[in-house]
N, C-alpha and C. Protein backbone atom coordinates (compact mmCIF):
# COMPACT_ATOMS: atom_id res chain seq x y z
N MET A 1 35.78 33.37 -31.59
CA MET A 1 34.44 32.92 -31.93
C MET A 1 33.44 33.66 -31.05
N HIS A 2 32.39 34.17 -31.66
CA HIS A 2 31.36 34.93 -30.94
C HIS A 2 30.34 33.99 -30.32
N LYS A 3 30.07 34.16 -29.02
CA LYS A 3 29.06 33.36 -28.33
C LYS A 3 27.85 34.23 -28.08
N PRO A 4 26.64 33.72 -28.40
CA PRO A 4 25.44 34.53 -28.13
C PRO A 4 25.21 34.68 -26.63
N ILE A 5 24.65 35.80 -26.27
CA ILE A 5 24.31 36.04 -24.86
C ILE A 5 23.03 35.29 -24.55
N ASP A 6 23.06 34.54 -23.47
CA ASP A 6 21.90 33.75 -23.07
C ASP A 6 20.94 34.66 -22.30
N THR A 7 19.87 35.11 -22.96
CA THR A 7 18.96 36.04 -22.32
C THR A 7 17.72 35.36 -21.78
N TYR A 8 17.53 34.07 -22.04
CA TYR A 8 16.34 33.37 -21.56
C TYR A 8 16.59 32.90 -20.14
N LYS A 9 15.92 33.48 -19.18
CA LYS A 9 16.16 33.17 -17.77
C LYS A 9 14.94 32.62 -17.05
N GLU A 10 13.77 32.65 -17.66
CA GLU A 10 12.55 32.23 -16.97
C GLU A 10 12.47 30.72 -16.78
N ALA A 11 11.86 30.31 -15.66
CA ALA A 11 11.62 28.89 -15.44
C ALA A 11 10.55 28.41 -16.41
N SER A 12 10.67 27.20 -16.88
CA SER A 12 9.70 26.65 -17.83
C SER A 12 8.35 26.35 -17.20
N PHE A 13 8.35 26.07 -15.88
CA PHE A 13 7.12 25.71 -15.19
C PHE A 13 7.00 26.49 -13.91
N SER A 14 5.76 26.72 -13.51
CA SER A 14 5.49 27.51 -12.30
C SER A 14 5.97 26.78 -11.04
N VAL A 15 6.05 27.54 -9.97
CA VAL A 15 6.41 26.95 -8.67
C VAL A 15 5.38 25.92 -8.26
N ALA A 16 4.09 26.22 -8.49
CA ALA A 16 3.03 25.27 -8.14
C ALA A 16 3.20 23.96 -8.91
N ASN A 17 3.53 24.05 -10.21
CA ASN A 17 3.76 22.86 -11.01
C ASN A 17 4.94 22.06 -10.46
N ARG A 18 6.00 22.72 -10.13
CA ARG A 18 7.19 22.03 -9.62
C ARG A 18 6.91 21.38 -8.27
N LEU A 19 6.15 22.06 -7.41
CA LEU A 19 5.79 21.47 -6.13
C LEU A 19 4.89 20.24 -6.30
N MET A 20 3.93 20.33 -7.21
CA MET A 20 3.06 19.18 -7.47
C MET A 20 3.88 17.98 -7.99
N ARG A 21 4.90 18.25 -8.80
CA ARG A 21 5.72 17.16 -9.31
C ARG A 21 6.56 16.53 -8.20
N VAL A 22 6.96 17.34 -7.20
CA VAL A 22 7.67 16.78 -6.05
C VAL A 22 6.72 15.85 -5.27
N VAL A 23 5.50 16.33 -5.02
CA VAL A 23 4.52 15.51 -4.29
C VAL A 23 4.22 14.24 -5.11
N TRP A 24 4.00 14.40 -6.41
CA TRP A 24 3.75 13.25 -7.27
C TRP A 24 4.91 12.27 -7.19
N GLY A 25 6.14 12.75 -7.23
CA GLY A 25 7.30 11.88 -7.16
C GLY A 25 7.35 11.04 -5.90
N VAL A 26 6.99 11.63 -4.79
CA VAL A 26 6.96 10.90 -3.51
C VAL A 26 5.86 9.85 -3.54
N VAL A 27 4.66 10.23 -3.98
CA VAL A 27 3.53 9.30 -4.05
C VAL A 27 3.85 8.19 -5.05
N TYR A 28 4.46 8.53 -6.16
CA TYR A 28 4.83 7.54 -7.18
C TYR A 28 5.72 6.46 -6.56
N VAL A 29 6.77 6.87 -5.87
CA VAL A 29 7.71 5.91 -5.28
C VAL A 29 7.06 5.09 -4.17
N LEU A 30 6.32 5.74 -3.29
CA LEU A 30 5.77 5.06 -2.12
C LEU A 30 4.54 4.20 -2.42
N PHE A 31 3.69 4.65 -3.35
CA PHE A 31 2.39 3.99 -3.53
C PHE A 31 2.11 3.44 -4.93
N PHE A 32 2.78 3.92 -5.94
CA PHE A 32 2.47 3.55 -7.32
C PHE A 32 3.49 2.54 -7.84
N ARG A 33 4.73 2.88 -7.84
CA ARG A 33 5.81 2.13 -8.49
C ARG A 33 5.90 0.68 -8.00
N TYR A 34 5.71 0.46 -6.72
CA TYR A 34 5.90 -0.89 -6.18
C TYR A 34 4.58 -1.57 -5.82
N SER A 35 3.48 -1.08 -6.39
CA SER A 35 2.20 -1.74 -6.17
C SER A 35 2.16 -3.02 -6.98
N PRO A 36 1.39 -4.01 -6.53
CA PRO A 36 1.30 -5.29 -7.26
C PRO A 36 0.76 -5.09 -8.68
N ARG A 37 1.31 -5.84 -9.61
CA ARG A 37 0.94 -5.70 -11.04
C ARG A 37 -0.56 -5.70 -11.31
N PRO A 38 -1.35 -6.60 -10.68
CA PRO A 38 -2.77 -6.63 -11.03
C PRO A 38 -3.60 -5.48 -10.44
N PHE A 39 -3.03 -4.58 -9.68
CA PHE A 39 -3.77 -3.50 -9.00
C PHE A 39 -4.00 -2.30 -9.93
N HIS A 40 -4.57 -2.55 -11.11
CA HIS A 40 -4.77 -1.47 -12.07
C HIS A 40 -5.77 -0.43 -11.56
N GLY A 41 -6.83 -0.87 -10.91
CA GLY A 41 -7.82 0.06 -10.36
C GLY A 41 -7.21 0.97 -9.30
N TYR A 42 -6.36 0.42 -8.49
CA TYR A 42 -5.66 1.18 -7.45
C TYR A 42 -4.79 2.27 -8.07
N ARG A 43 -4.01 1.91 -9.09
CA ARG A 43 -3.15 2.91 -9.74
C ARG A 43 -3.98 3.95 -10.49
N ALA A 44 -5.10 3.51 -11.08
CA ALA A 44 -6.00 4.48 -11.73
C ALA A 44 -6.53 5.49 -10.70
N PHE A 45 -6.87 5.01 -9.51
CA PHE A 45 -7.33 5.89 -8.44
C PHE A 45 -6.26 6.92 -8.10
N ILE A 46 -5.01 6.47 -7.95
CA ILE A 46 -3.93 7.40 -7.63
C ILE A 46 -3.77 8.44 -8.74
N LEU A 47 -3.80 7.99 -9.99
CA LEU A 47 -3.66 8.93 -11.11
C LEU A 47 -4.81 9.94 -11.11
N ARG A 48 -6.02 9.49 -10.84
CA ARG A 48 -7.17 10.41 -10.78
C ARG A 48 -6.99 11.42 -9.65
N CYS A 49 -6.42 11.01 -8.53
CA CYS A 49 -6.17 11.94 -7.42
C CYS A 49 -5.23 13.06 -7.84
N PHE A 50 -4.40 12.80 -8.85
CA PHE A 50 -3.47 13.81 -9.37
C PHE A 50 -3.97 14.44 -10.67
N GLY A 51 -5.25 14.32 -10.95
CA GLY A 51 -5.85 15.03 -12.07
C GLY A 51 -5.91 14.33 -13.39
N ALA A 52 -5.43 13.09 -13.48
CA ALA A 52 -5.52 12.34 -14.74
C ALA A 52 -6.97 11.94 -14.99
N ARG A 53 -7.34 11.88 -16.25
CA ARG A 53 -8.64 11.33 -16.64
C ARG A 53 -8.37 9.90 -17.10
N VAL A 54 -8.87 8.93 -16.33
CA VAL A 54 -8.59 7.52 -16.60
C VAL A 54 -9.91 6.79 -16.80
N GLY A 55 -10.04 6.16 -17.96
CA GLY A 55 -11.26 5.43 -18.30
C GLY A 55 -11.37 4.11 -17.59
N LYS A 56 -12.56 3.51 -17.71
CA LYS A 56 -12.83 2.22 -17.08
C LYS A 56 -11.94 1.14 -17.68
N GLY A 57 -11.43 0.29 -16.81
CA GLY A 57 -10.67 -0.85 -17.26
C GLY A 57 -9.30 -0.54 -17.84
N ALA A 58 -8.80 0.68 -17.63
CA ALA A 58 -7.46 1.01 -18.13
C ALA A 58 -6.42 0.23 -17.34
N HIS A 59 -5.43 -0.27 -18.03
CA HIS A 59 -4.35 -1.03 -17.39
C HIS A 59 -3.07 -0.22 -17.47
N VAL A 60 -2.75 0.46 -16.40
CA VAL A 60 -1.48 1.18 -16.29
C VAL A 60 -0.62 0.38 -15.33
N TYR A 61 0.49 -0.14 -15.84
CA TYR A 61 1.35 -1.00 -15.03
C TYR A 61 2.24 -0.18 -14.09
N PRO A 62 2.74 -0.80 -13.02
CA PRO A 62 3.47 -0.05 -12.01
C PRO A 62 4.80 0.54 -12.48
N GLY A 63 5.37 -0.02 -13.53
CA GLY A 63 6.66 0.47 -14.04
C GLY A 63 6.55 1.58 -15.05
N VAL A 64 5.36 2.15 -15.24
CA VAL A 64 5.18 3.29 -16.15
C VAL A 64 5.69 4.54 -15.46
N ARG A 65 6.53 5.29 -16.15
CA ARG A 65 7.03 6.58 -15.61
C ARG A 65 6.15 7.69 -16.18
N ILE A 66 5.67 8.55 -15.28
CA ILE A 66 4.74 9.61 -15.67
C ILE A 66 5.25 10.93 -15.10
N TRP A 67 5.48 11.90 -15.98
CA TRP A 67 6.03 13.19 -15.56
C TRP A 67 4.98 14.00 -14.81
N ALA A 68 3.78 14.11 -15.34
CA ALA A 68 2.71 14.89 -14.70
C ALA A 68 1.36 14.24 -15.01
N PRO A 69 0.80 13.51 -14.04
CA PRO A 69 -0.46 12.79 -14.31
C PRO A 69 -1.60 13.71 -14.73
N TRP A 70 -1.60 14.95 -14.28
CA TRP A 70 -2.69 15.88 -14.60
C TRP A 70 -2.71 16.24 -16.09
N MET A 71 -1.72 15.79 -16.84
CA MET A 71 -1.69 16.04 -18.28
C MET A 71 -2.02 14.78 -19.08
N LEU A 72 -2.65 13.79 -18.41
CA LEU A 72 -2.99 12.53 -19.07
C LEU A 72 -4.48 12.35 -19.25
N GLU A 73 -4.86 11.80 -20.38
CA GLU A 73 -6.24 11.34 -20.60
C GLU A 73 -6.14 9.95 -21.19
N LEU A 74 -6.54 8.96 -20.41
CA LEU A 74 -6.43 7.56 -20.81
C LEU A 74 -7.81 6.97 -21.03
N GLY A 75 -8.04 6.44 -22.22
CA GLY A 75 -9.35 5.92 -22.56
C GLY A 75 -9.64 4.58 -21.92
N ASP A 76 -10.91 4.17 -22.02
CA ASP A 76 -11.34 2.89 -21.49
C ASP A 76 -10.51 1.75 -22.08
N GLU A 77 -10.13 0.82 -21.21
CA GLU A 77 -9.48 -0.42 -21.60
C GLU A 77 -8.15 -0.26 -22.33
N CYS A 78 -7.52 0.91 -22.21
CA CYS A 78 -6.20 1.07 -22.81
C CYS A 78 -5.16 0.36 -21.94
N GLY A 79 -4.01 0.09 -22.52
CA GLY A 79 -2.94 -0.57 -21.78
C GLY A 79 -1.63 0.16 -21.94
N ILE A 80 -0.98 0.46 -20.80
CA ILE A 80 0.31 1.13 -20.81
C ILE A 80 1.28 0.22 -20.07
N ALA A 81 2.26 -0.34 -20.77
CA ALA A 81 3.14 -1.38 -20.23
C ALA A 81 4.24 -0.83 -19.34
N ASN A 82 4.79 -1.73 -18.53
CA ASN A 82 5.98 -1.39 -17.73
C ASN A 82 7.09 -0.86 -18.67
N GLY A 83 7.80 0.13 -18.19
CA GLY A 83 8.92 0.67 -18.96
C GLY A 83 8.52 1.77 -19.93
N VAL A 84 7.24 2.08 -20.04
CA VAL A 84 6.80 3.20 -20.87
C VAL A 84 7.07 4.50 -20.13
N ASP A 85 7.55 5.51 -20.83
CA ASP A 85 7.79 6.82 -20.25
C ASP A 85 6.81 7.82 -20.88
N LEU A 86 5.85 8.27 -20.08
CA LEU A 86 4.89 9.28 -20.54
C LEU A 86 5.42 10.64 -20.08
N TYR A 87 6.20 11.27 -20.94
CA TYR A 87 6.82 12.56 -20.60
C TYR A 87 5.80 13.64 -20.89
N SER A 88 4.87 13.78 -19.96
CA SER A 88 3.66 14.58 -20.16
C SER A 88 3.82 16.03 -19.73
N GLN A 89 4.81 16.70 -20.29
CA GLN A 89 4.92 18.14 -20.06
C GLN A 89 3.75 18.84 -20.75
N GLY A 90 3.29 18.27 -21.85
CA GLY A 90 2.07 18.68 -22.52
C GLY A 90 1.08 17.52 -22.44
N LYS A 91 -0.09 17.69 -23.00
CA LYS A 91 -1.15 16.69 -22.86
C LYS A 91 -0.86 15.46 -23.71
N ILE A 92 -1.12 14.30 -23.10
CA ILE A 92 -1.07 13.01 -23.80
C ILE A 92 -2.45 12.38 -23.69
N THR A 93 -3.01 12.02 -24.85
CA THR A 93 -4.31 11.36 -24.90
C THR A 93 -4.12 9.98 -25.53
N VAL A 94 -4.58 8.96 -24.81
CA VAL A 94 -4.50 7.59 -25.28
C VAL A 94 -5.93 7.08 -25.41
N GLY A 95 -6.29 6.60 -26.59
CA GLY A 95 -7.68 6.23 -26.86
C GLY A 95 -8.11 4.87 -26.35
N TYR A 96 -9.38 4.58 -26.60
CA TYR A 96 -10.03 3.33 -26.22
C TYR A 96 -9.26 2.14 -26.77
N ARG A 97 -8.93 1.20 -25.87
CA ARG A 97 -8.23 -0.04 -26.21
C ARG A 97 -6.90 0.16 -26.93
N ALA A 98 -6.32 1.35 -26.86
CA ALA A 98 -4.99 1.58 -27.41
C ALA A 98 -3.97 0.90 -26.50
N ILE A 99 -2.86 0.48 -27.08
CA ILE A 99 -1.81 -0.20 -26.32
C ILE A 99 -0.48 0.52 -26.59
N ILE A 100 0.25 0.80 -25.51
CA ILE A 100 1.61 1.32 -25.63
C ILE A 100 2.52 0.29 -24.96
N SER A 101 3.39 -0.31 -25.75
CA SER A 101 4.24 -1.40 -25.27
C SER A 101 5.51 -0.91 -24.59
N GLN A 102 6.17 -1.84 -23.89
CA GLN A 102 7.31 -1.56 -23.04
C GLN A 102 8.42 -0.80 -23.77
N GLY A 103 9.04 0.10 -23.02
CA GLY A 103 10.20 0.84 -23.52
C GLY A 103 9.87 2.02 -24.40
N THR A 104 8.61 2.28 -24.67
CA THR A 104 8.24 3.40 -25.53
C THR A 104 8.34 4.72 -24.77
N TYR A 105 8.82 5.73 -25.45
CA TYR A 105 8.98 7.07 -24.88
C TYR A 105 8.03 8.01 -25.62
N VAL A 106 7.04 8.53 -24.90
CA VAL A 106 6.04 9.43 -25.49
C VAL A 106 6.40 10.83 -24.99
N CYS A 107 6.95 11.67 -25.86
CA CYS A 107 7.60 12.92 -25.46
C CYS A 107 6.87 14.16 -25.98
N THR A 108 6.23 14.90 -25.08
CA THR A 108 5.49 16.10 -25.50
C THR A 108 6.33 17.38 -25.43
N GLY A 109 7.51 17.33 -24.82
CA GLY A 109 8.32 18.54 -24.63
C GLY A 109 9.53 18.57 -25.52
N THR A 110 9.87 19.76 -25.95
CA THR A 110 11.10 19.96 -26.73
C THR A 110 11.59 21.39 -26.48
N HIS A 111 12.63 21.78 -27.17
CA HIS A 111 13.19 23.12 -26.96
C HIS A 111 13.33 23.84 -28.31
N ASP A 112 13.17 25.15 -28.28
CA ASP A 112 13.35 25.96 -29.46
C ASP A 112 14.83 26.32 -29.60
N TYR A 113 15.53 25.56 -30.42
CA TYR A 113 16.97 25.76 -30.58
C TYR A 113 17.30 27.01 -31.39
N THR A 114 16.29 27.68 -31.97
CA THR A 114 16.54 28.90 -32.73
C THR A 114 16.60 30.14 -31.85
N LYS A 115 16.32 29.97 -30.55
CA LYS A 115 16.35 31.09 -29.62
C LYS A 115 17.44 30.84 -28.57
N THR A 116 18.09 31.92 -28.15
CA THR A 116 19.06 31.74 -27.08
C THR A 116 18.37 31.27 -25.83
N GLY A 117 19.02 30.43 -25.10
CA GLY A 117 18.43 29.86 -23.91
C GLY A 117 17.60 28.61 -24.16
N HIS A 118 17.35 28.30 -25.43
CA HIS A 118 16.59 27.10 -25.82
C HIS A 118 15.31 26.93 -25.00
N PRO A 119 14.37 27.87 -25.05
CA PRO A 119 13.17 27.75 -24.22
C PRO A 119 12.36 26.50 -24.56
N LEU A 120 11.78 25.94 -23.52
CA LEU A 120 10.95 24.76 -23.64
C LEU A 120 9.61 25.12 -24.27
N TYR A 121 9.08 24.24 -25.10
CA TYR A 121 7.68 24.35 -25.52
C TYR A 121 7.15 22.92 -25.65
N THR A 122 5.83 22.81 -25.58
CA THR A 122 5.20 21.49 -25.62
C THR A 122 4.18 21.41 -26.75
N LYS A 123 3.94 20.20 -27.21
CA LYS A 123 2.90 19.92 -28.19
C LYS A 123 2.20 18.63 -27.76
N PRO A 124 0.88 18.61 -27.81
CA PRO A 124 0.15 17.42 -27.37
C PRO A 124 0.34 16.22 -28.29
N ILE A 125 0.18 15.04 -27.71
CA ILE A 125 0.28 13.79 -28.47
C ILE A 125 -1.05 13.04 -28.31
N VAL A 126 -1.57 12.52 -29.42
CA VAL A 126 -2.80 11.74 -29.40
C VAL A 126 -2.53 10.38 -30.02
N ILE A 127 -2.86 9.34 -29.25
CA ILE A 127 -2.76 7.97 -29.74
C ILE A 127 -4.19 7.45 -29.83
N GLY A 128 -4.64 7.21 -31.04
CA GLY A 128 -6.06 6.94 -31.30
C GLY A 128 -6.56 5.62 -30.77
N ASP A 129 -7.88 5.50 -30.78
CA ASP A 129 -8.55 4.26 -30.36
C ASP A 129 -7.96 3.06 -31.10
N ARG A 130 -7.74 1.98 -30.35
CA ARG A 130 -7.29 0.69 -30.91
C ARG A 130 -5.93 0.74 -31.60
N ALA A 131 -5.18 1.81 -31.42
CA ALA A 131 -3.84 1.86 -31.97
C ALA A 131 -2.92 1.00 -31.10
N TRP A 132 -1.84 0.53 -31.68
CA TRP A 132 -0.83 -0.22 -30.92
C TRP A 132 0.53 0.36 -31.25
N VAL A 133 1.20 0.87 -30.22
CA VAL A 133 2.56 1.34 -30.35
C VAL A 133 3.44 0.23 -29.76
N ALA A 134 4.19 -0.46 -30.63
CA ALA A 134 4.99 -1.61 -30.19
C ALA A 134 6.22 -1.16 -29.41
N ALA A 135 7.01 -2.10 -28.96
CA ALA A 135 8.11 -1.86 -28.01
C ALA A 135 9.15 -0.87 -28.53
N ASP A 136 9.64 -0.07 -27.58
CA ASP A 136 10.82 0.78 -27.78
C ASP A 136 10.66 1.86 -28.85
N CYS A 137 9.48 2.36 -29.05
CA CYS A 137 9.27 3.45 -30.00
C CYS A 137 9.53 4.80 -29.34
N PHE A 138 9.79 5.80 -30.17
CA PHE A 138 9.90 7.18 -29.71
C PHE A 138 8.85 7.97 -30.45
N ILE A 139 7.96 8.63 -29.69
CA ILE A 139 6.90 9.44 -30.30
C ILE A 139 7.25 10.91 -30.06
N HIS A 140 7.47 11.66 -31.12
CA HIS A 140 7.84 13.07 -31.04
C HIS A 140 6.67 13.95 -30.60
N PRO A 141 6.98 15.14 -30.09
CA PRO A 141 5.91 16.08 -29.71
C PRO A 141 4.99 16.43 -30.88
N GLY A 142 3.70 16.57 -30.60
CA GLY A 142 2.73 17.03 -31.59
C GLY A 142 2.21 15.95 -32.52
N ILE A 143 2.50 14.70 -32.26
CA ILE A 143 2.12 13.61 -33.17
C ILE A 143 0.72 13.10 -32.85
N THR A 144 0.00 12.75 -33.91
CA THR A 144 -1.26 12.02 -33.80
C THR A 144 -1.10 10.68 -34.50
N ILE A 145 -1.35 9.62 -33.75
CA ILE A 145 -1.34 8.28 -34.33
C ILE A 145 -2.78 7.90 -34.51
N GLY A 146 -3.17 7.66 -35.73
CA GLY A 146 -4.56 7.43 -36.07
C GLY A 146 -5.15 6.18 -35.42
N ALA A 147 -6.46 6.15 -35.33
CA ALA A 147 -7.18 5.00 -34.77
C ALA A 147 -6.78 3.74 -35.51
N GLY A 148 -6.51 2.67 -34.75
CA GLY A 148 -6.22 1.39 -35.35
C GLY A 148 -4.85 1.23 -35.96
N ALA A 149 -4.03 2.28 -35.94
CA ALA A 149 -2.69 2.19 -36.52
C ALA A 149 -1.80 1.30 -35.66
N VAL A 150 -0.86 0.61 -36.30
CA VAL A 150 0.16 -0.17 -35.61
C VAL A 150 1.50 0.48 -35.91
N ILE A 151 2.24 0.79 -34.85
CA ILE A 151 3.57 1.37 -35.00
C ILE A 151 4.56 0.28 -34.63
N GLY A 152 5.37 -0.14 -35.59
CA GLY A 152 6.31 -1.25 -35.38
C GLY A 152 7.37 -0.94 -34.35
N ALA A 153 7.91 -1.99 -33.76
CA ALA A 153 8.92 -1.88 -32.71
C ALA A 153 10.09 -1.02 -33.16
N ARG A 154 10.58 -0.22 -32.22
CA ARG A 154 11.75 0.64 -32.39
C ARG A 154 11.57 1.76 -33.42
N SER A 155 10.36 2.06 -33.78
CA SER A 155 10.11 3.14 -34.74
C SER A 155 10.29 4.50 -34.09
N VAL A 156 10.66 5.47 -34.88
CA VAL A 156 10.76 6.86 -34.44
C VAL A 156 9.72 7.64 -35.22
N VAL A 157 8.67 8.07 -34.50
CA VAL A 157 7.52 8.70 -35.16
C VAL A 157 7.70 10.22 -35.14
N THR A 158 7.96 10.78 -36.33
CA THR A 158 8.22 12.21 -36.46
C THR A 158 7.07 12.93 -37.20
N LYS A 159 6.14 12.15 -37.76
CA LYS A 159 4.99 12.74 -38.45
C LYS A 159 3.74 11.95 -38.06
N ASP A 160 2.57 12.58 -38.22
CA ASP A 160 1.32 11.90 -37.94
C ASP A 160 1.20 10.62 -38.78
N MET A 161 0.64 9.58 -38.16
CA MET A 161 0.44 8.31 -38.85
C MET A 161 -1.06 8.11 -39.09
N PRO A 162 -1.41 7.65 -40.31
CA PRO A 162 -2.83 7.53 -40.67
C PRO A 162 -3.51 6.37 -39.95
N PRO A 163 -4.85 6.45 -39.85
CA PRO A 163 -5.59 5.37 -39.20
C PRO A 163 -5.51 4.07 -39.99
N TRP A 164 -5.62 2.97 -39.26
CA TRP A 164 -5.72 1.62 -39.79
C TRP A 164 -4.62 1.30 -40.81
N THR A 165 -3.40 1.68 -40.43
CA THR A 165 -2.23 1.34 -41.25
C THR A 165 -1.18 0.70 -40.34
N VAL A 166 -0.31 -0.09 -40.95
CA VAL A 166 0.85 -0.62 -40.27
C VAL A 166 2.01 0.26 -40.68
N CYS A 167 2.71 0.81 -39.67
CA CYS A 167 3.76 1.78 -39.91
C CYS A 167 5.03 1.33 -39.17
N ALA A 168 6.18 1.66 -39.72
CA ALA A 168 7.42 1.31 -39.04
C ALA A 168 8.57 2.10 -39.64
N GLY A 169 9.68 2.13 -38.90
CA GLY A 169 10.90 2.68 -39.44
C GLY A 169 11.44 3.85 -38.66
N HIS A 170 12.59 4.32 -39.15
CA HIS A 170 13.29 5.46 -38.57
C HIS A 170 13.71 6.37 -39.71
N PRO A 171 12.89 7.33 -40.11
CA PRO A 171 11.62 7.73 -39.51
C PRO A 171 10.49 6.78 -39.89
N CYS A 172 9.46 6.74 -39.05
CA CYS A 172 8.31 5.87 -39.23
C CYS A 172 7.53 6.29 -40.48
N LYS A 173 7.11 5.29 -41.25
CA LYS A 173 6.32 5.53 -42.48
C LYS A 173 5.21 4.49 -42.58
N PRO A 174 4.08 4.87 -43.17
CA PRO A 174 3.03 3.87 -43.41
C PRO A 174 3.52 2.82 -44.42
N LEU A 175 3.28 1.54 -44.10
CA LEU A 175 3.74 0.45 -44.98
C LEU A 175 2.60 -0.23 -45.71
N LYS A 176 1.49 -0.46 -44.99
CA LYS A 176 0.35 -1.16 -45.60
C LYS A 176 -0.87 -0.93 -44.73
N ASP A 177 -2.03 -1.27 -45.27
CA ASP A 177 -3.27 -1.20 -44.50
C ASP A 177 -3.26 -2.25 -43.40
N ARG A 178 -3.89 -1.91 -42.29
CA ARG A 178 -4.08 -2.91 -41.23
C ARG A 178 -5.44 -3.55 -41.46
N VAL A 179 -5.44 -4.84 -41.64
CA VAL A 179 -6.66 -5.59 -41.87
C VAL A 179 -6.86 -6.53 -40.70
N ILE A 180 -8.01 -6.43 -40.06
CA ILE A 180 -8.36 -7.33 -38.96
C ILE A 180 -9.08 -8.53 -39.54
N ASP A 181 -8.53 -9.70 -39.33
CA ASP A 181 -9.09 -10.90 -39.92
C ASP A 181 -9.61 -11.84 -38.84
N ASP A 182 -10.69 -11.40 -38.20
CA ASP A 182 -11.38 -12.31 -37.28
C ASP A 182 -12.84 -11.91 -37.17
N GLU A 183 -13.64 -12.83 -36.73
CA GLU A 183 -15.07 -12.62 -36.74
C GLU A 183 -15.61 -11.82 -35.56
N GLN A 184 -14.76 -11.51 -34.59
CA GLN A 184 -15.21 -10.81 -33.41
C GLN A 184 -14.90 -9.31 -33.45
N THR A 185 -14.90 -8.72 -34.61
CA THR A 185 -14.52 -7.31 -34.76
C THR A 185 -15.68 -6.41 -35.17
N THR A 186 -16.89 -6.80 -34.88
CA THR A 186 -18.02 -6.02 -35.34
C THR A 186 -18.09 -4.67 -34.67
N ASP A 187 -17.41 -4.47 -33.53
CA ASP A 187 -17.46 -3.16 -32.84
C ASP A 187 -16.27 -2.27 -33.18
N ILE A 188 -15.44 -2.62 -34.15
CA ILE A 188 -14.22 -1.85 -34.43
C ILE A 188 -14.54 -0.52 -35.08
N ASN A 189 -15.34 -0.51 -36.11
CA ASN A 189 -15.56 0.75 -36.83
C ASN A 189 -16.70 1.43 -36.20
């Protein structure tokens, strides 16, 4: 059986990037991971020190795993639950009042399996304003989840999801329109 010669030898990330991730890892363990749950402003400050753009009132819980904070843009009042993995090799944008629930894996990096050496490449992920990604979802690289969309628990999102829809499944598909039925929603649209 013929084996292809592995000619891809370059590192996927620069030395500076790798050093910053080492520093981030130390700061994460010492100052972020074990901070008290209600200290959202404190964790936002730490993320900003590492280049993240964090909006007012963002709630990033201490159990969130973040690969590279400098690749994050978190909107005002968004919520990122414990157990979420923001694999931010590429940019991740989370909109105003968007929620990402526990156990969700937001993955911007993948590999080109058509080339020897399987080189890494990244695609940005955008989670729109007021979207809700329920527990234990997997969001593939390059995905946009529209404003107001709901992604059902344990869904695997392989394609963009339209705004203001309820979506679920493996693979995730739009199921129905999301209708907000309360009188306090005058600022939604």
